[in-house]
Structure formats: structure tokens, C-alpha cells
Amino acid sequence: MLRIGVTGSGFMGRTHAEAARRLPSTQLVAVAGGSRAAGLADDYGVDWETDPATLLSRPDIDAVVISTPHYCHLEEALLAAEHNKHALVEKPLTTSLADCDRLIESFEAGQLTLAVGYHQRFRESNRVVGELIQSGAIGTVRAIQMSALFDIEALRQDEGFGGGWEWWKDPRSVAHLMNSAPHNVDLCRWWLQSELHHVAAASGTFREENPNENSTMALLVFDSGTTVTYWSSSVCPSPGFPG
């Protein structure tokens, strides 16, 4: 039985808590982090720790799921490695390449598992796309068009969604693009079995007071020669992605 701790109590924190509850191979032990952590712990009948550091030092936890804001990932994951715990970190792994390398080295040194929450790889539709591309069933793929569009105001007003979004305006989070692009870029890498070669992009901030960007248009070129257009925006008026 793998004993799990969860840091972060927003939408993804609750999602991972529910996943741990449903799996016969895991036991949710404790949660920490965020204004809803105490309520989340109560809902699942587990311990509530007042801060992630205390949770990560517990000897009765084998692995941690880190679903706190982007800028918290590095510190919490380093603590997990220090306390000999495996970690699943919600994307982005960290907010810089250097910090990603630092985390990978820390977990490799301790012979620990470090994974990123790329759940899109487990969607049946995405698996089929990968099979079609890699088998050559649809010929050589020359271009892909992708978008990640929604209305942040609609989400902020939806009490049932269970997510807090104000931290997106914190410069330490490095804006909306770090939240939306990882899934799309990773899917292309996975589908094409090719690495990203170069990118051209323009970013801007619209419809709200925000020190970070909230909209980006990008052109990505992969080593395979495939080009990808990517439109990312958290302020595209509804309806963007129903449900």
C-alpha cells in the first residue's frame, strides 16, 4: 500500500485526493496547503497539516502529490526528495529550466521517482491520435493546430469548480502560458516522438488588470519538421470549452 500525501487543496488537490481514495493500491494519509486544506482533510477523513513542510516530514507518507501554485513546486519537491519521498508534481514541474534540472538531479541522487502530471496522455482520444500518427495510418503529419481557450471570469464565478485563480496574477507563477502550454507541447512531443526545435510567439494581457500575460499566439517547429500553431488564452469570452 502506497501512503500518499497531497499539498494543495484546490481543484487538482481534491482531484488527486479522490484518485487516491479510489485506488486499492494507495492510502491517502494527509493534506496541507491552501485555505481549503482543513475542509478537504475533513471530507476524506485524513490528517490536516498546517503547512506542506510538516506533511513532507511525516514518516508515514511514502509519496506526495504536489498541486500547489507553480512557484511552490520547487521548494516542496526538494523537501520531498530530502525526506526520501517520491513525488508527482502538477505541471509545470517548476517555473524555470534550471530548477527543473535541479529537481531531476535531486530525485535521481536519491533513486526516487519524480513524475509530472501529464494526465492528457491517458485520455483515449489522445492515445488514438498517437497511434494514428506513429503507425503512419494518416501519412506524415506536417502541421498541427492547437488551442487552449477559456474565460477566467466564468471560472472565478463558478463556485462548483473548486479552484482559486488569483495566484495566476502573481508574477512568481510566470503567467497563464505556464499553466496551459505544458499539456499541449507534451502531447505534440509524445505524438510526433520528436523534440521541440524552435518557437516564435507573441504574448499580451487583455480584459483584466494582471502583471502577467494571459494570451499567447505561438508557432512551434519540431525536429521532425512538423509545425504547430498554438493559441492560448484565459480571457477568451465564453463559450470557449463548454463544461
Protein backbone atom coordinates (compact mmCIF):
# COMPACT_ATOMS: atom_id res chain seq x y z
CA MET A 1 0.00 0.00 0.00
CA LEU A 2 1.46 3.35 -1.08
CA ARG A 3 0.77 6.02 1.52
CA ILE A 4 0.01 9.38 -0.11
CA GLY A 5 0.18 12.99 0.98
CA VAL A 6 -1.28 15.88 -1.06
CA THR A 7 -0.14 19.50 -0.99
CA GLY A 8 -2.66 21.97 -2.37
CA SER A 9 -6.38 21.98 -1.68
CA GLY A 10 -7.84 23.49 -4.86
CA PHE A 11 -9.39 21.71 -7.82
CA MET A 12 -6.40 19.45 -8.54
CA GLY A 13 -5.69 18.80 -4.87
CA ARG A 14 -9.21 17.46 -4.47
CA THR A 15 -8.93 15.54 -7.74
CA HIS A 16 -5.80 13.73 -6.56
CA ALA A 17 -7.31 13.08 -3.13
CA GLU A 18 -10.28 11.41 -4.81
CA ALA A 19 -8.00 9.39 -7.11
CA ALA A 20 -6.01 8.13 -4.12
CA ARG A 21 -9.24 7.15 -2.35
CA ARG A 22 -10.46 5.15 -5.35
CA LEU A 23 -7.25 3.20 -5.95
CA PRO A 24 -6.91 -0.04 -3.96
CA SER A 25 -3.11 0.38 -4.07
CA THR A 26 -3.00 3.78 -2.30
CA GLN A 27 -3.97 5.26 1.03
CA LEU A 28 -4.47 8.99 1.48
CA VAL A 29 -2.81 9.97 4.76
CA ALA A 30 -2.76 13.77 4.97
CA VAL A 31 -3.26 17.03 3.08
CA ALA A 32 -1.76 20.50 3.54
CA GLY A 33 -1.62 23.87 1.82
CA GLY A 34 -4.29 26.35 0.84
CA SER A 35 -7.32 27.83 2.55
CA ARG A 36 -9.43 24.73 1.91
CA ALA A 37 -6.97 22.14 3.22
CA ALA A 38 -8.73 21.62 6.55
CA GLY A 39 -12.07 21.08 4.82
CA LEU A 40 -10.52 18.72 2.29
CA ALA A 41 -8.94 16.66 5.07
CA ASP A 42 -12.27 16.50 6.88
CA ASP A 43 -14.10 15.41 3.72
CA TYR A 44 -11.72 12.47 3.26
CA GLY A 45 -11.23 11.61 6.94
CA VAL A 46 -7.47 12.18 6.87
CA ASP A 47 -5.00 14.36 8.76
CA TRP A 48 -4.66 18.06 8.08
CA GLU A 49 -1.22 19.57 8.42
CA THR A 50 -0.93 23.34 8.77
CA ASP A 51 1.89 23.57 6.21
CA PRO A 52 3.40 21.41 3.43
CA ALA A 53 6.79 21.18 5.16
CA THR A 54 5.24 19.38 8.14
CA LEU A 55 3.39 16.98 5.82
CA LEU A 56 6.56 16.23 3.85
CA SER A 57 8.48 15.33 7.01
CA ARG A 58 5.94 12.70 8.14
CA PRO A 59 7.44 9.19 8.29
CA ASP A 60 4.09 7.57 7.43
CA ILE A 61 3.98 9.07 3.91
CA ASP A 62 5.75 7.33 1.00
CA ALA A 63 4.88 9.69 -1.84
CA VAL A 64 3.46 13.17 -2.29
CA VAL A 65 1.30 14.81 -4.92
CA ILE A 66 2.20 18.49 -5.29
CA SER A 67 -0.72 20.53 -6.60
CA THR A 68 0.08 23.94 -5.14
CA PRO A 69 0.70 27.10 -7.25
CA HIS A 70 3.58 26.95 -9.75
CA TYR A 71 6.05 28.90 -7.64
CA CYS A 72 5.70 26.44 -4.73
CA HIS A 73 6.68 23.35 -6.71
CA LEU A 74 10.47 23.64 -6.42
CA GLU A 75 10.66 24.11 -2.66
CA GLU A 76 8.09 21.41 -1.90
CA ALA A 77 9.58 18.86 -4.29
CA LEU A 78 13.10 19.47 -2.93
CA LEU A 79 11.75 18.85 0.56
CA ALA A 80 10.10 15.66 -0.66
CA ALA A 81 13.44 14.41 -2.02
CA GLU A 82 15.18 15.44 1.20
CA HIS A 83 12.70 13.31 3.17
CA ASN A 84 13.07 10.36 0.77
CA LYS A 85 9.61 10.60 -0.77
CA HIS A 86 8.55 10.02 -4.36
CA ALA A 87 6.67 12.91 -5.99
CA LEU A 88 4.05 13.56 -8.64
CA VAL A 89 4.19 17.28 -9.43
CA GLU A 90 1.41 19.03 -11.29
CA LYS A 91 2.64 20.79 -14.40
CA PRO A 92 4.67 22.86 -14.79
CA LEU A 93 7.37 20.93 -12.94
CA THR A 94 8.89 24.30 -11.93
CA THR A 95 8.98 27.80 -13.43
CA SER A 96 12.47 27.59 -14.97
CA LEU A 97 14.63 25.09 -16.85
CA ALA A 98 17.43 25.38 -14.28
CA ASP A 99 15.04 24.50 -11.46
CA CYS A 100 13.70 21.53 -13.43
CA ASP A 101 17.26 20.22 -13.82
CA ARG A 102 17.88 20.77 -10.12
CA LEU A 103 14.82 18.72 -9.17
CA ILE A 104 15.64 15.89 -11.57
CA GLU A 105 19.17 15.66 -10.17
CA SER A 106 17.87 15.61 -6.58
CA PHE A 107 15.48 12.75 -7.21
CA GLU A 108 17.99 10.78 -9.26
CA ALA A 109 20.55 11.12 -6.46
CA GLY A 110 18.06 9.61 -4.01
CA GLN A 111 16.86 6.96 -6.51
CA LEU A 112 13.35 8.38 -6.16
CA THR A 113 10.57 8.66 -8.71
CA LEU A 114 9.75 12.17 -9.96
CA ALA A 115 6.79 12.48 -12.33
CA VAL A 116 4.80 15.33 -13.90
CA GLY A 117 1.00 15.37 -14.02
CA TYR A 118 0.55 14.91 -17.76
CA HIS A 119 -2.88 13.32 -17.48
CA GLN A 120 -3.64 14.11 -21.12
CA ARG A 121 -1.51 11.09 -22.10
CA PHE A 122 -4.16 8.86 -20.51
CA ARG A 123 -7.15 10.17 -22.49
CA GLU A 124 -8.37 7.60 -25.00
CA SER A 125 -8.75 10.21 -27.75
CA ASN A 126 -5.14 11.32 -27.35
CA ARG A 127 -3.91 7.73 -27.35
CA VAL A 128 -5.73 7.10 -30.65
CA VAL A 129 -4.17 10.23 -32.18
CA GLY A 130 -0.72 8.98 -31.20
CA GLU A 131 -1.37 5.54 -32.69
CA LEU A 132 -2.62 7.02 -35.96
CA ILE A 133 0.41 9.30 -36.31
CA GLN A 134 3.08 6.79 -35.27
CA SER A 135 1.67 3.94 -37.37
CA GLY A 136 1.67 6.11 -40.50
CA ALA A 137 -2.03 5.39 -40.98
CA ILE A 138 -2.73 9.03 -41.85
CA GLY A 139 0.57 9.72 -43.62
CA THR A 140 3.26 12.13 -42.49
CA VAL A 141 1.88 14.86 -40.25
CA ARG A 142 3.13 18.24 -41.46
CA ALA A 143 1.07 20.61 -39.31
CA ILE A 144 -0.98 20.59 -36.11
CA GLN A 145 -3.35 23.28 -34.87
CA MET A 146 -3.95 23.50 -31.11
CA SER A 147 -5.71 25.87 -28.74
CA ALA A 148 -6.37 26.21 -25.02
CA LEU A 149 -9.09 28.81 -24.57
CA PHE A 150 -11.40 29.70 -21.72
CA ASP A 151 -12.87 32.63 -19.82
CA ILE A 152 -11.19 33.11 -16.44
CA GLU A 153 -14.05 35.31 -15.24
CA ALA A 154 -16.52 32.50 -15.84
CA LEU A 155 -14.34 30.12 -13.80
CA ARG A 156 -13.93 32.63 -10.97
CA GLN A 157 -17.70 32.95 -10.75
CA ASP A 158 -18.31 29.17 -10.81
CA GLU A 159 -18.40 28.12 -7.15
CA GLY A 160 -18.77 24.48 -8.14
CA PHE A 161 -15.41 24.34 -9.92
CA GLY A 162 -13.47 24.44 -6.67
CA GLY A 163 -10.42 26.28 -7.96
CA GLY A 164 -8.81 29.51 -6.81
CA TRP A 165 -7.28 31.56 -9.60
CA GLU A 166 -5.86 34.71 -8.03
CA TRP A 167 -2.38 33.17 -7.82
CA TRP A 168 -2.25 33.33 -11.62
CA LYS A 169 -1.74 37.08 -11.19
CA ASP A 170 1.34 36.50 -9.01
CA PRO A 171 4.49 37.15 -11.10
CA ARG A 172 6.13 34.16 -9.40
CA SER A 173 3.67 31.90 -11.22
CA VAL A 174 5.01 33.10 -14.60
CA ALA A 175 1.58 33.63 -16.03
CA HIS A 176 -1.07 31.69 -17.90
CA LEU A 177 1.19 30.19 -20.56
CA MET A 178 3.00 28.06 -17.95
CA ASN A 179 -0.37 26.65 -16.94
CA SER A 180 -1.79 25.87 -20.38
CA ALA A 181 1.12 25.15 -22.73
CA PRO A 182 2.76 22.17 -20.95
CA HIS A 183 -0.10 19.82 -21.85
CA ASN A 184 -0.17 20.87 -25.50
CA VAL A 185 3.59 20.85 -26.01
CA ASP A 186 3.90 17.48 -24.29
CA LEU A 187 1.15 15.96 -26.44
CA CYS A 188 2.94 17.05 -29.61
CA ARG A 189 6.26 15.65 -28.36
CA TRP A 190 4.53 12.38 -27.49
CA TRP A 191 2.50 12.10 -30.70
CA LEU A 192 5.39 13.02 -33.01
CA GLN A 193 8.14 11.29 -31.00
CA SER A 194 10.12 14.44 -31.70
CA GLU A 195 11.56 17.29 -29.65
CA LEU A 196 10.81 20.99 -29.97
CA HIS A 197 13.38 22.80 -32.11
CA HIS A 198 12.37 26.46 -32.01
CA VAL A 199 9.47 28.76 -31.19
CA ALA A 200 8.23 32.17 -32.30
CA ALA A 201 5.48 33.79 -30.22
CA ALA A 202 3.74 36.97 -29.18
CA SER A 203 2.10 37.44 -25.79
CA GLY A 204 -0.21 40.05 -24.32
CA THR A 205 -2.54 40.84 -21.44
CA PHE A 206 -6.17 41.73 -22.10
CA ARG A 207 -9.51 42.26 -20.35
CA GLU A 208 -8.09 42.36 -16.81
CA GLU A 209 -5.50 44.02 -14.58
CA ASN A 210 -2.74 41.44 -14.47
CA PRO A 211 1.08 41.83 -14.36
CA ASN A 212 1.41 38.55 -16.27
CA GLU A 213 0.46 37.60 -19.81
CA ASN A 214 -2.89 35.90 -20.31
CA SER A 215 -2.90 35.35 -24.09
CA THR A 216 -0.28 33.96 -26.47
CA MET A 217 -0.11 33.09 -30.16
CA ALA A 218 2.79 30.77 -30.96
CA LEU A 219 4.37 28.89 -33.83
CA LEU A 220 6.33 25.81 -32.77
CA VAL A 221 8.67 23.84 -35.05
CA PHE A 222 9.76 20.32 -34.12
CA ASP A 223 12.91 18.41 -35.10
CA SER A 224 10.73 16.29 -37.40
CA GLY A 225 9.85 19.42 -39.39
CA THR A 226 6.24 19.43 -38.21
CA THR A 227 4.89 22.90 -37.44
CA VAL A 228 2.34 23.56 -34.71
CA THR A 229 0.22 26.66 -34.22
CA TYR A 230 -0.83 27.22 -30.63
CA TRP A 231 -3.31 29.77 -29.29
CA SER A 232 -3.50 30.10 -25.52
CA SER A 233 -5.82 32.48 -23.66
CA SER A 234 -7.53 32.59 -20.28
CA VAL A 235 -9.67 35.58 -21.28
CA CYS A 236 -11.36 34.34 -24.45
CA PRO A 237 -15.07 35.13 -23.90
CA SER A 238 -17.36 32.18 -23.23
CA PRO A 239 -18.26 29.78 -24.62
CA GLY A 240 -14.74 28.52 -25.24
CA PHE A 241 -14.52 24.99 -23.88
CA PRO A 242 -18.01 24.02 -22.63
CA GLY A 243 -18.00 22.03 -19.41
